[in-house]
Amino acid sequence: MNTVLTLDEINDALANTRTRGEYKPVIAKWLESAELALDLTDVWPTKKAASLKGAIKLNLDKNFAQNDVRVLLVGPEGTQHVVLVNMQVYAAQAAEAAESTTE
């Protein structure tokens, strides 16, 4: 039995597969930028939030264990976003905010 897939079916199938090493360069670039947070759902909109969160946590543990990064699921079920928070940047910004309110 020969089954031929259309271009749309192939695109759908490829969108649900993972490219080895695809997370590492994005995370590395974000960490270098010293930005507070990164919404990964914007980077990979076709990936399910829970699956993306798990994959990112594994990648952080393997490649970025020395960095203090939190992975958050933000928003209501079904429309959740996966957000990375650089806790070093967060701590610095929180300290700066606290200092400015006491002056």
PDB file of N, CA and C in Angstrom:
ATOM      1  N   MET A   1       0.839  -1.166   0.000  1.00  0.00           N
ATOM      2  CA  MET A   1       0.000   0.000   0.000  1.00  0.00           C
ATOM      3  C   MET A   1       0.892   1.240   0.000  1.00  0.00           C
ATOM      4  N   ASN A   2       0.731   2.090  -0.982  1.00  0.00           N
ATOM      5  CA  ASN A   2       1.487   3.325  -1.116  1.00  0.00           C
ATOM      6  C   ASN A   2       0.661   4.495  -0.606  1.00  0.00           C
ATOM      7  N   THR A   3       1.175   5.212   0.361  1.00  0.00           N
ATOM      8  CA  THR A   3       0.486   6.379   0.868  1.00  0.00           C
ATOM      9  C   THR A   3       1.339   7.598   0.552  1.00  0.00           C
ATOM     10  N   VAL A   4       0.742   8.536  -0.141  1.00  0.00           N
ATOM     11  CA  VAL A   4       1.441   9.751  -0.508  1.00  0.00           C
ATOM     12  C   VAL A   4       0.890  10.886   0.341  1.00  0.00           C
ATOM     13  N   LEU A   5       1.786  11.618   0.976  1.00  0.00           N
ATOM     14  CA  LEU A   5       1.374  12.750   1.800  1.00  0.00           C
ATOM     15  C   LEU A   5       1.437  14.031   0.988  1.00  0.00           C
ATOM     16  N   THR A   6       0.529  14.926   1.292  1.00  0.00           N
ATOM     17  CA  THR A   6       0.557  16.233   0.653  1.00  0.00           C
ATOM     18  C   THR A   6       1.607  17.098   1.338  1.00  0.00           C
ATOM     19  N   LEU A   7       1.942  18.212   0.736  1.00  0.00           N
ATOM     20  CA  LEU A   7       2.909  19.138   1.320  1.00  0.00           C
ATOM     21  C   LEU A   7       2.417  19.641   2.680  1.00  0.00           C
ATOM     22  N   ASP A   8       1.132  19.936   2.795  1.00  0.00           N
ATOM     23  CA  ASP A   8       0.563  20.389   4.068  1.00  0.00           C
ATOM     24  C   ASP A   8       0.679  19.315   5.154  1.00  0.00           C
ATOM     25  N   GLU A   9       0.442  18.066   4.794  1.00  0.00           N
ATOM     26  CA  GLU A   9       0.548  16.970   5.764  1.00  0.00           C
ATOM     27  C   GLU A   9       1.997  16.790   6.221  1.00  0.00           C
ATOM     28  N   ILE A  10       2.924  16.929   5.301  1.00  0.00           N
ATOM     29  CA  ILE A  10       4.343  16.829   5.653  1.00  0.00           C
ATOM     30  C   ILE A  10       4.747  17.997   6.542  1.00  0.00           C
ATOM     31  N   ASN A  11       4.289  19.206   6.215  1.00  0.00           N
ATOM     32  CA  ASN A  11       4.593  20.376   7.052  1.00  0.00           C
ATOM     33  C   ASN A  11       4.051  20.198   8.469  1.00  0.00           C
ATOM     34  N   ASP A  12       2.833  19.659   8.586  1.00  0.00           N
ATOM     35  CA  ASP A  12       2.246  19.402   9.910  1.00  0.00           C
ATOM     36  C   ASP A  12       3.076  18.384  10.685  1.00  0.00           C
ATOM     37  N   ALA A  13       3.484  17.328  10.005  1.00  0.00           N
ATOM     38  CA  ALA A  13       4.283  16.289  10.659  1.00  0.00           C
ATOM     39  C   ALA A  13       5.640  16.835  11.100  1.00  0.00           C
ATOM     40  N   LEU A  14       6.274  17.639  10.260  1.00  0.00           N
ATOM     41  CA  LEU A  14       7.569  18.219  10.601  1.00  0.00           C
ATOM     42  C   LEU A  14       7.461  19.234  11.729  1.00  0.00           C
ATOM     43  N   ALA A  15       6.348  19.940  11.800  1.00  0.00           N
ATOM     44  CA  ALA A  15       6.153  20.930  12.867  1.00  0.00           C
ATOM     45  C   ALA A  15       6.066  20.266  14.228  1.00  0.00           C
ATOM     46  N   ASN A  16       5.677  19.006  14.259  1.00  0.00           N
ATOM     47  CA  ASN A  16       5.538  18.285  15.516  1.00  0.00           C
ATOM     48  C   ASN A  16       6.763  17.453  15.871  1.00  0.00           C
ATOM     49  N   THR A  17       7.820  17.584  15.083  1.00  0.00           N
ATOM     50  CA  THR A  17       9.050  16.865  15.384  1.00  0.00           C
ATOM     51  C   THR A  17      10.071  17.839  15.945  1.00  0.00           C
ATOM     52  N   ARG A  18      11.059  17.302  16.570  1.00  0.00           N
ATOM     53  CA  ARG A  18      12.076  18.113  17.231  1.00  0.00           C
ATOM     54  C   ARG A  18      13.371  18.029  16.441  1.00  0.00           C
ATOM     55  N   THR A  19      14.006  19.161  16.286  1.00  0.00           N
ATOM     56  CA  THR A  19      15.322  19.203  15.678  1.00  0.00           C
ATOM     57  C   THR A  19      16.343  19.146  16.802  1.00  0.00           C
ATOM     58  N   ARG A  20      17.240  18.217  16.730  1.00  0.00           N
ATOM     59  CA  ARG A  20      18.229  18.044  17.792  1.00  0.00           C
ATOM     60  C   ARG A  20      19.029  19.335  17.984  1.00  0.00           C
ATOM     61  N   GLY A  21      19.093  19.780  19.223  1.00  0.00           N
ATOM     62  CA  GLY A  21      19.877  20.962  19.551  1.00  0.00           C
ATOM     63  C   GLY A  21      19.210  22.291  19.257  1.00  0.00           C
ATOM     64  N   GLU A  22      17.931  22.288  18.967  1.00  0.00           N
ATOM     65  CA  GLU A  22      17.273  23.535  18.571  1.00  0.00           C
ATOM     66  C   GLU A  22      17.102  24.526  19.720  1.00  0.00           C
ATOM     67  N   TYR A  23      17.071  24.048  20.953  1.00  0.00           N
ATOM     68  CA  TYR A  23      16.838  24.938  22.091  1.00  0.00           C
ATOM     69  C   TYR A  23      18.109  25.653  22.544  1.00  0.00           C
ATOM     70  N   LYS A  24      19.225  24.974  22.496  1.00  0.00           N
ATOM     71  CA  LYS A  24      20.475  25.486  23.058  1.00  0.00           C
ATOM     72  C   LYS A  24      20.868  26.862  22.518  1.00  0.00           C
ATOM     73  N   PRO A  25      20.885  27.104  21.195  1.00  0.00           N
ATOM     74  CA  PRO A  25      21.314  28.425  20.721  1.00  0.00           C
ATOM     75  C   PRO A  25      20.362  29.550  21.132  1.00  0.00           C
ATOM     76  N   VAL A  26      19.086  29.248  21.206  1.00  0.00           N
ATOM     77  CA  VAL A  26      18.103  30.263  21.601  1.00  0.00           C
ATOM     78  C   VAL A  26      18.310  30.644  23.068  1.00  0.00           C
ATOM     79  N   ILE A  27      18.482  29.636  23.918  1.00  0.00           N
ATOM     80  CA  ILE A  27      18.699  29.890  25.345  1.00  0.00           C
ATOM     81  C   ILE A  27      20.022  30.625  25.568  1.00  0.00           C
ATOM     82  N   ALA A  28      21.071  30.199  24.878  1.00  0.00           N
ATOM     83  CA  ALA A  28      22.384  30.831  25.030  1.00  0.00           C
ATOM     84  C   ALA A  28      22.332  32.305  24.628  1.00  0.00           C
ATOM     85  N   LYS A  29      21.690  32.592  23.514  1.00  0.00           N
ATOM     86  CA  LYS A  29      21.579  33.983  23.046  1.00  0.00           C
ATOM     87  C   LYS A  29      20.793  34.819  24.049  1.00  0.00           C
ATOM     88  N   TRP A  30      19.720  34.261  24.591  1.00  0.00           N
ATOM     89  CA  TRP A  30      18.913  34.981  25.581  1.00  0.00           C
ATOM     90  C   TRP A  30      19.722  35.245  26.850  1.00  0.00           C
ATOM     91  N   LEU A  31      20.454  34.255  27.330  1.00  0.00           N
ATOM     92  CA  LEU A  31      21.267  34.453  28.528  1.00  0.00           C
ATOM     93  C   LEU A  31      22.331  35.532  28.312  1.00  0.00           C
ATOM     94  N   GLU A  32      22.920  35.565  27.145  1.00  0.00           N
ATOM     95  CA  GLU A  32      23.920  36.583  26.823  1.00  0.00           C
ATOM     96  C   GLU A  32      23.317  37.978  26.781  1.00  0.00           C
ATOM     97  N   SER A  33      22.043  38.073  26.432  1.00  0.00           N
ATOM     98  CA  SER A  33      21.390  39.374  26.300  1.00  0.00           C
ATOM     99  C   SER A  33      21.106  40.024  27.641  1.00  0.00           C
ATOM    100  N   ALA A  34      21.112  39.243  28.715  1.00  0.00           N
ATOM    101  CA  ALA A  34      20.808  39.724  30.067  1.00  0.00           C
ATOM    102  C   ALA A  34      19.395  40.283  30.177  1.00  0.00           C
ATOM    103  N   GLU A  35      18.489  39.772  29.346  1.00  0.00           N
ATOM    104  CA  GLU A  35      17.077  40.152  29.458  1.00  0.00           C
ATOM    105  C   GLU A  35      16.450  39.367  30.594  1.00  0.00           C
ATOM    106  N   LEU A  36      15.423  39.941  31.203  1.00  0.00           N
ATOM    107  CA  LEU A  36      14.773  39.327  32.347  1.00  0.00           C
ATOM    108  C   LEU A  36      14.067  38.027  31.977  1.00  0.00           C
ATOM    109  N   ALA A  37      13.289  38.047  30.903  1.00  0.00           N
ATOM    110  CA  ALA A  37      12.467  36.878  30.573  1.00  0.00           C
ATOM    111  C   ALA A  37      12.398  36.667  29.065  1.00  0.00           C
ATOM    112  N   LEU A  38      12.042  35.445  28.705  1.00  0.00           N
ATOM    113  CA  LEU A  38      11.868  35.078  27.299  1.00  0.00           C
ATOM    114  C   LEU A  38      10.653  34.180  27.195  1.00  0.00           C
ATOM    115  N   ASP A  39       9.686  34.573  26.361  1.00  0.00           N
ATOM    116  CA  ASP A  39       8.494  33.764  26.124  1.00  0.00           C
ATOM    117  C   ASP A  39       8.804  32.781  24.995  1.00  0.00           C
ATOM    118  N   LEU A  40       9.014  31.529  25.358  1.00  0.00           N
ATOM    119  CA  LEU A  40       9.380  30.511  24.367  1.00  0.00           C
ATOM    120  C   LEU A  40       8.217  30.105  23.483  1.00  0.00           C
ATOM    121  N   THR A  41       7.009  30.395  23.916  1.00  0.00           N
ATOM    122  CA  THR A  41       5.845  30.079  23.097  1.00  0.00           C
ATOM    123  C   THR A  41       5.846  30.939  21.844  1.00  0.00           C
ATOM    124  N   ASP A  42       6.440  32.124  21.925  1.00  0.00           N
ATOM    125  CA  ASP A  42       6.581  32.965  20.733  1.00  0.00           C
ATOM    126  C   ASP A  42       7.611  32.394  19.771  1.00  0.00           C
ATOM    127  N   VAL A  43       8.625  31.734  20.330  1.00  0.00           N
ATOM    128  CA  VAL A  43       9.687  31.154  19.506  1.00  0.00           C
ATOM    129  C   VAL A  43       9.216  29.863  18.841  1.00  0.00           C
ATOM    130  N   TRP A  44       8.491  29.017  19.601  1.00  0.00           N
ATOM    131  CA  TRP A  44       7.980  27.742  19.096  1.00  0.00           C
ATOM    132  C   TRP A  44       6.469  27.673  19.291  1.00  0.00           C
ATOM    133  N   PRO A  45       5.693  28.421  18.485  1.00  0.00           N
ATOM    134  CA  PRO A  45       4.242  28.498  18.691  1.00  0.00           C
ATOM    135  C   PRO A  45       3.485  27.198  18.416  1.00  0.00           C
ATOM    136  N   THR A  46       4.075  26.272  17.681  1.00  0.00           N
ATOM    137  CA  THR A  46       3.361  25.035  17.363  1.00  0.00           C
ATOM    138  C   THR A  46       3.553  23.953  18.420  1.00  0.00           C
ATOM    139  N   LYS A  47       4.434  24.191  19.364  1.00  0.00           N
ATOM    140  CA  LYS A  47       4.692  23.180  20.399  1.00  0.00           C
ATOM    141  C   LYS A  47       3.731  23.363  21.570  1.00  0.00           C
ATOM    142  N   LYS A  48       3.298  22.246  22.136  1.00  0.00           N
ATOM    143  CA  LYS A  48       2.418  22.298  23.306  1.00  0.00           C
ATOM    144  C   LYS A  48       3.224  22.761  24.508  1.00  0.00           C
ATOM    145  N   ALA A  49       2.619  23.629  25.315  1.00  0.00           N
ATOM    146  CA  ALA A  49       3.324  24.275  26.422  1.00  0.00           C
ATOM    147  C   ALA A  49       3.935  23.267  27.397  1.00  0.00           C
ATOM    148  N   ALA A  50       3.177  22.267  27.801  1.00  0.00           N
ATOM    149  CA  ALA A  50       3.687  21.297  28.785  1.00  0.00           C
ATOM    150  C   ALA A  50       4.882  20.526  28.222  1.00  0.00           C
ATOM    151  N   SER A  51       4.815  20.127  26.967  1.00  0.00           N
ATOM    152  CA  SER A  51       5.920  19.406  26.329  1.00  0.00           C
ATOM    153  C   SER A  51       7.140  20.306  26.177  1.00  0.00           C
ATOM    154  N   LEU A  52       6.897  21.542  25.776  1.00  0.00           N
ATOM    155  CA  LEU A  52       7.987  22.498  25.612  1.00  0.00           C
ATOM    156  C   LEU A  52       8.678  22.757  26.951  1.00  0.00           C
ATOM    157  N   LYS A  53       7.884  22.904  28.013  1.00  0.00           N
ATOM    158  CA  LYS A  53       8.454  23.141  29.339  1.00  0.00           C
ATOM    159  C   LYS A  53       9.368  21.986  29.747  1.00  0.00           C
ATOM    160  N   GLY A  54       8.917  20.757  29.552  1.00  0.00           N
ATOM    161  CA  GLY A  54       9.719  19.586  29.897  1.00  0.00           C
ATOM    162  C   GLY A  54      11.012  19.526  29.111  1.00  0.00           C
ATOM    163  N   ALA A  55      10.928  19.785  27.816  1.00  0.00           N
ATOM    164  CA  ALA A  55      12.120  19.742  26.966  1.00  0.00           C
ATOM    165  C   ALA A  55      13.108  20.835  27.352  1.00  0.00           C
ATOM    166  N   ILE A  56      12.589  21.997  27.674  1.00  0.00           N
ATOM    167  CA  ILE A  56      13.455  23.110  28.057  1.00  0.00           C
ATOM    168  C   ILE A  56      14.135  22.820  29.394  1.00  0.00           C
ATOM    169  N   LYS A  57      13.392  22.256  30.350  1.00  0.00           N
ATOM    170  CA  LYS A  57      13.992  21.922  31.644  1.00  0.00           C
ATOM    171  C   LYS A  57      15.147  20.930  31.470  1.00  0.00           C
ATOM    172  N   LEU A  58      14.947  19.935  30.631  1.00  0.00           N
ATOM    173  CA  LEU A  58      16.023  18.974  30.365  1.00  0.00           C
ATOM    174  C   LEU A  58      17.224  19.658  29.734  1.00  0.00           C
ATOM    175  N   ASN A  59      16.966  20.551  28.787  1.00  0.00           N
ATOM    176  CA  ASN A  59      18.048  21.250  28.114  1.00  0.00           C
ATOM    177  C   ASN A  59      18.797  22.154  29.076  1.00  0.00           C
ATOM    178  N   LEU A  60      18.072  22.832  29.958  1.00  0.00           N
ATOM    179  CA  LEU A  60      18.729  23.686  30.949  1.00  0.00           C
ATOM    180  C   LEU A  60      19.614  22.857  31.875  1.00  0.00           C
ATOM    181  N   ASP A  61      19.096  21.718  32.331  1.00  0.00           N
ATOM    182  CA  ASP A  61      19.870  20.855  33.221  1.00  0.00           C
ATOM    183  C   ASP A  61      21.138  20.340  32.545  1.00  0.00           C
ATOM    184  N   LYS A  62      21.040  20.029  31.264  1.00  0.00           N
ATOM    185  CA  LYS A  62      22.158  19.454  30.534  1.00  0.00           C
ATOM    186  C   LYS A  62      23.186  20.513  30.119  1.00  0.00           C
ATOM    187  N   ASN A  63      22.711  21.664  29.652  1.00  0.00           N
ATOM    188  CA  ASN A  63      23.607  22.631  29.027  1.00  0.00           C
ATOM    189  C   ASN A  63      23.824  23.927  29.807  1.00  0.00           C
ATOM    190  N   PHE A  64      22.936  24.227  30.735  1.00  0.00           N
ATOM    191  CA  PHE A  64      23.002  25.525  31.402  1.00  0.00           C
ATOM    192  C   PHE A  64      22.805  25.396  32.909  1.00  0.00           C
ATOM    193  N   ALA A  65      23.303  24.319  33.489  1.00  0.00           N
ATOM    194  CA  ALA A  65      23.087  24.050  34.915  1.00  0.00           C
ATOM    195  C   ALA A  65      23.677  25.145  35.798  1.00  0.00           C
ATOM    196  N   GLN A  66      24.714  25.818  35.312  1.00  0.00           N
ATOM    197  CA  GLN A  66      25.365  26.850  36.115  1.00  0.00           C
ATOM    198  C   GLN A  66      24.532  28.127  36.187  1.00  0.00           C
ATOM    199  N   ASN A  67      23.565  28.285  35.303  1.00  0.00           N
ATOM    200  CA  ASN A  67      22.730  29.473  35.281  1.00  0.00           C
ATOM    201  C   ASN A  67      21.492  29.276  36.140  1.00  0.00           C
ATOM    202  N   ASP A  68      21.074  30.342  36.805  1.00  0.00           N
ATOM    203  CA  ASP A  68      19.879  30.293  37.637  1.00  0.00           C
ATOM    204  C   ASP A  68      18.693  30.738  36.785  1.00  0.00           C
ATOM    205  N   VAL A  69      18.036  29.775  36.169  1.00  0.00           N
ATOM    206  CA  VAL A  69      16.913  30.056  35.274  1.00  0.00           C
ATOM    207  C   VAL A  69      15.697  29.277  35.747  1.00  0.00           C
ATOM    208  N   ARG A  70      14.559  29.942  35.793  1.00  0.00           N
ATOM    209  CA  ARG A  70      13.293  29.279  36.127  1.00  0.00           C
ATOM    210  C   ARG A  70      12.461  29.149  34.864  1.00  0.00           C
ATOM    211  N   VAL A  71      11.746  28.047  34.776  1.00  0.00           N
ATOM    212  CA  VAL A  71      10.839  27.801  33.662  1.00  0.00           C
ATOM    213  C   VAL A  71       9.424  27.860  34.222  1.00  0.00           C
ATOM    214  N   LEU A  72       8.624  28.772  33.697  1.00  0.00           N
ATOM    215  CA  LEU A  72       7.264  28.964  34.193  1.00  0.00           C
ATOM    216  C   LEU A  72       6.233  28.666  33.122  1.00  0.00           C
ATOM    217  N   LEU A  73       5.109  28.094  33.537  1.00  0.00           N
ATOM    218  CA  LEU A  73       3.923  27.999  32.687  1.00  0.00           C
ATOM    219  C   LEU A  73       3.018  29.135  33.127  1.00  0.00           C
ATOM    220  N   VAL A  74       2.715  30.049  32.218  1.00  0.00           N
ATOM    221  CA  VAL A  74       1.945  31.238  32.552  1.00  0.00           C
ATOM    222  C   VAL A  74       0.651  31.253  31.745  1.00  0.00           C
ATOM    223  N   GLY A  75      -0.463  31.538  32.418  1.00  0.00           N
ATOM    224  CA  GLY A  75      -1.744  31.670  31.731  1.00  0.00           C
ATOM    225  C   GLY A  75      -2.657  30.495  31.979  1.00  0.00           C
ATOM    226  N   PRO A  76      -3.888  30.639  31.516  1.00  0.00           N
ATOM    227  CA  PRO A  76      -4.878  29.576  31.737  1.00  0.00           C
ATOM    228  C   PRO A  76      -4.607  28.345  30.876  1.00  0.00           C
ATOM    229  N   GLU A  77      -5.093  27.213  31.366  1.00  0.00           N
ATOM    230  CA  GLU A  77      -4.953  25.931  30.652  1.00  0.00           C
ATOM    231  C   GLU A  77      -5.411  26.078  29.208  1.00  0.00           C
ATOM    232  N   GLY A  78      -4.631  25.561  28.295  1.00  0.00           N
ATOM    233  CA  GLY A  78      -4.978  25.611  26.874  1.00  0.00           C
ATOM    234  C   GLY A  78      -4.366  26.789  26.137  1.00  0.00           C
ATOM    235  N   THR A  79      -4.041  27.848  26.856  1.00  0.00           N
ATOM    236  CA  THR A  79      -3.413  29.013  26.234  1.00  0.00           C
ATOM    237  C   THR A  79      -2.148  29.400  26.993  1.00  0.00           C
ATOM    238  N   GLN A  80      -1.552  28.425  27.658  1.00  0.00           N
ATOM    239  CA  GLN A  80      -0.376  28.695  28.477  1.00  0.00           C
ATOM    240  C   GLN A  80       0.841  29.035  27.631  1.00  0.00           C
ATOM    241  N   HIS A  81       1.687  29.844  28.223  1.00  0.00           N
ATOM    242  CA  HIS A  81       2.964  30.209  27.619  1.00  0.00           C
ATOM    243  C   HIS A  81       4.082  29.672  28.493  1.00  0.00           C
ATOM    244  N   VAL A  82       5.172  29.292  27.869  1.00  0.00           N
ATOM    245  CA  VAL A  82       6.368  28.861  28.595  1.00  0.00           C
ATOM    246  C   VAL A  82       7.315  30.054  28.624  1.00  0.00           C
ATOM    247  N   VAL A  83       7.645  30.482  29.840  1.00  0.00           N
ATOM    248  CA  VAL A  83       8.476  31.671  30.008  1.00  0.00           C
ATOM    249  C   VAL A  83       9.715  31.307  30.814  1.00  0.00           C
ATOM    250  N   LEU A  84      10.878  31.701  30.305  1.00  0.00           N
ATOM    251  CA  LEU A  84      12.123  31.556  31.037  1.00  0.00           C
ATOM    252  C   LEU A  84      12.372  32.854  31.792  1.00  0.00           C
ATOM    253  N   VAL A  85      12.800  32.738  33.041  1.00  0.00           N
ATOM    254  CA  VAL A  85      13.149  33.908  33.845  1.00  0.00           C
ATOM    255  C   VAL A  85      14.595  33.757  34.308  1.00  0.00           C
ATOM    256  N   ASN A  86      15.407  34.746  33.991  1.00  0.00           N
ATOM    257  CA  ASN A  86      16.788  34.770  34.436  1.00  0.00           C
ATOM    258  C   ASN A  86      16.781  35.304  35.862  1.00  0.00           C
ATOM    259  N   MET A  87      16.997  34.437  36.836  1.00  0.00           N
ATOM    260  CA  MET A  87      16.855  34.807  38.236  1.00  0.00           C
ATOM    261  C   MET A  87      17.941  35.782  38.703  1.00  0.00           C
ATOM    262  N   GLN A  88      19.096  35.797  38.065  1.00  0.00           N
ATOM    263  CA  GLN A  88      20.124  36.780  38.411  1.00  0.00           C
ATOM    264  C   GLN A  88      19.662  38.183  38.012  1.00  0.00           C
ATOM    265  N   VAL A  89      19.096  38.296  36.829  1.00  0.00           N
ATOM    266  CA  VAL A  89      18.575  39.582  36.366  1.00  0.00           C
ATOM    267  C   VAL A  89      17.379  39.989  37.229  1.00  0.00           C
ATOM    268  N   TYR A  90      16.526  39.013  37.551  1.00  0.00           N
ATOM    269  CA  TYR A  90      15.381  39.288  38.411  1.00  0.00           C
ATOM    270  C   TYR A  90      15.826  39.837  39.763  1.00  0.00           C
ATOM    271  N   ALA A  91      16.815  39.198  40.380  1.00  0.00           N
ATOM    272  CA  ALA A  91      17.302  39.634  41.683  1.00  0.00           C
ATOM    273  C   ALA A  91      17.866  41.055  41.610  1.00  0.00           C
ATOM    274  N   ALA A  92      18.609  41.350  40.563  1.00  0.00           N
ATOM    275  CA  ALA A  92      19.186  42.683  40.400  1.00  0.00           C
ATOM    276  C   ALA A  92      18.098  43.733  40.211  1.00  0.00           C
ATOM    277  N   GLN A  93      17.095  43.416  39.387  1.00  0.00           N
ATOM    278  CA  GLN A  93      16.018  44.365  39.147  1.00  0.00           C
ATOM    279  C   GLN A  93      15.146  44.543  40.392  1.00  0.00           C
ATOM    280  N   ALA A  94      14.912  43.458  41.124  1.00  0.00           N
ATOM    281  CA  ALA A  94      14.115  43.546  42.350  1.00  0.00           C
ATOM    282  C   ALA A  94      14.847  44.385  43.388  1.00  0.00           C
ATOM    283  N   ALA A  95      16.157  44.209  43.520  1.00  0.00           N
ATOM    284  CA  ALA A  95      16.944  44.994  44.470  1.00  0.00           C
ATOM    285  C   ALA A  95      16.945  46.467  44.088  1.00  0.00           C
ATOM    286  N   GLU A  96      17.072  46.728  42.804  1.00  0.00           N
ATOM    287  CA  GLU A  96      17.048  48.110  42.312  1.00  0.00           C
ATOM    288  C   GLU A  96      15.690  48.759  42.579  1.00  0.00           C
ATOM    289  N   ALA A  97      14.630  48.017  42.351  1.00  0.00           N
ATOM    290  CA  ALA A  97      13.277  48.531  42.606  1.00  0.00           C
ATOM    291  C   ALA A  97      13.065  48.798  44.092  1.00  0.00           C
ATOM    292  N   ALA A  98      13.536  47.904  44.939  1.00  0.00           N
ATOM    293  CA  ALA A  98      13.401  48.087  46.383  1.00  0.00           C
ATOM    294  C   ALA A  98      14.203  49.286  46.855  1.00  0.00           C
ATOM    295  N   GLU A  99      15.376  49.456  46.278  1.00  0.00           N
ATOM    296  CA  GLU A  99      16.227  50.580  46.643  1.00  0.00           C
ATOM    297  C   GLU A  99      15.594  51.904  46.235  1.00  0.00           C
ATOM    298  N   SER A 100      14.968  51.933  45.059  1.00  0.00           N
ATOM    299  CA  SER A 100      14.362  53.176  44.587  1.00  0.00           C
ATOM    300  C   SER A 100      13.109  53.538  45.392  1.00  0.00           C
ATOM    301  N   THR A 101      12.430  52.563  45.991  1.00  0.00           N
ATOM    302  CA  THR A 101      11.240  52.869  46.794  1.00  0.00           C
ATOM    303  C   THR A 101      11.607  53.335  48.193  1.00  0.00           C
ATOM    304  N   THR A 102      12.839  53.040  48.628  1.00  0.00           N
ATOM    305  CA  THR A 102      13.254  53.465  49.967  1.00  0.00           C
ATOM    306  C   THR A 102      13.946  54.817  49.960  1.00  0.00           C
ATOM    307  N   GLU A 103      14.222  55.343  48.778  1.00  0.00           N
ATOM    308  CA  GLU A 103      14.888  56.652  48.681  1.00  0.00           C
ATOM    309  C   GLU A 103      13.898  57.781  48.745  1.00  0.00           C
TER     310      GLU A 103
END
